Amino acid sequence: HEAEGWPQDGIAAGTKWEDIPDDWTCPDCGVSKVG
């Protein structure tokens, strides 16, 4: 999903996984980054 981003969550297209906040949760699958 890095190329697409999650604009509705404020994650711009091209954002690297390591640049996503640790408290972010995937809106599609509900998995948290720290999972």
C-alpha atoms as a PDB file:
ATOM      1  CA  HIS A   1       0.000   0.000   0.000  1.00  0.00           C
ATOM      2  CA  GLU A   2       2.979   2.348   0.224  1.00  0.00           C
ATOM      3  CA  ALA A   3       2.489   3.586  -3.340  1.00  0.00           C
ATOM      4  CA  GLU A   4      -1.205   4.354  -2.777  1.00  0.00           C
ATOM      5  CA  GLY A   5      -1.084   5.654   0.769  1.00  0.00           C
ATOM      6  CA  TRP A   6      -4.257   6.095   2.816  1.00  0.00           C
ATOM      7  CA  PRO A   7      -5.369   9.663   2.043  1.00  0.00           C
ATOM      8  CA  GLN A   8      -8.460   9.333   4.253  1.00  0.00           C
ATOM      9  CA  ASP A   9      -6.135   8.642   7.184  1.00  0.00           C
ATOM     10  CA  GLY A  10      -3.705  11.428   6.337  1.00  0.00           C
ATOM     11  CA  ILE A  11      -1.106   9.008   4.952  1.00  0.00           C
ATOM     12  CA  ALA A  12       0.115  10.411   1.651  1.00  0.00           C
ATOM     13  CA  ALA A  13       0.845   8.215  -1.346  1.00  0.00           C
ATOM     14  CA  GLY A  14       4.474   7.143  -1.311  1.00  0.00           C
ATOM     15  CA  THR A  15       4.770   7.289   2.479  1.00  0.00           C
ATOM     16  CA  LYS A  16       7.221   4.657   3.679  1.00  0.00           C
ATOM     17  CA  TRP A  17       6.022   2.132   6.250  1.00  0.00           C
ATOM     18  CA  GLU A  18       8.617   3.314   8.766  1.00  0.00           C
ATOM     19  CA  ASP A  19       7.329   6.891   8.413  1.00  0.00           C
ATOM     20  CA  ILE A  20       3.772   5.972   9.421  1.00  0.00           C
ATOM     21  CA  PRO A  21       2.974   6.836  13.056  1.00  0.00           C
ATOM     22  CA  ASP A  22       3.271   3.908  15.464  1.00  0.00           C
ATOM     23  CA  ASP A  23      -0.309   4.427  16.665  1.00  0.00           C
ATOM     24  CA  TRP A  24      -1.783   4.156  13.165  1.00  0.00           C
ATOM     25  CA  THR A  25      -4.231   1.342  12.435  1.00  0.00           C
ATOM     26  CA  CYS A  26      -5.008   0.028   8.952  1.00  0.00           C
ATOM     27  CA  PRO A  27      -8.544   1.122   8.002  1.00  0.00           C
ATOM     28  CA  ASP A  28      -8.957  -1.905   5.733  1.00  0.00           C
ATOM     29  CA  CYS A  29      -7.853  -4.736   8.010  1.00  0.00           C
ATOM     30  CA  GLY A  30      -7.726  -3.165  11.476  1.00  0.00           C
ATOM     31  CA  VAL A  31      -4.097  -4.186  12.003  1.00  0.00           C
ATOM     32  CA  SER A  32      -2.000  -1.744  14.000  1.00  0.00           C
ATOM     33  CA  LYS A  33       1.526  -0.908  12.921  1.00  0.00           C
ATOM     34  CA  VAL A  34       3.007  -2.164  16.174  1.00  0.00           C
ATOM     35  CA  GLY A  35       0.799  -5.292  15.893  1.00  0.00           C
END
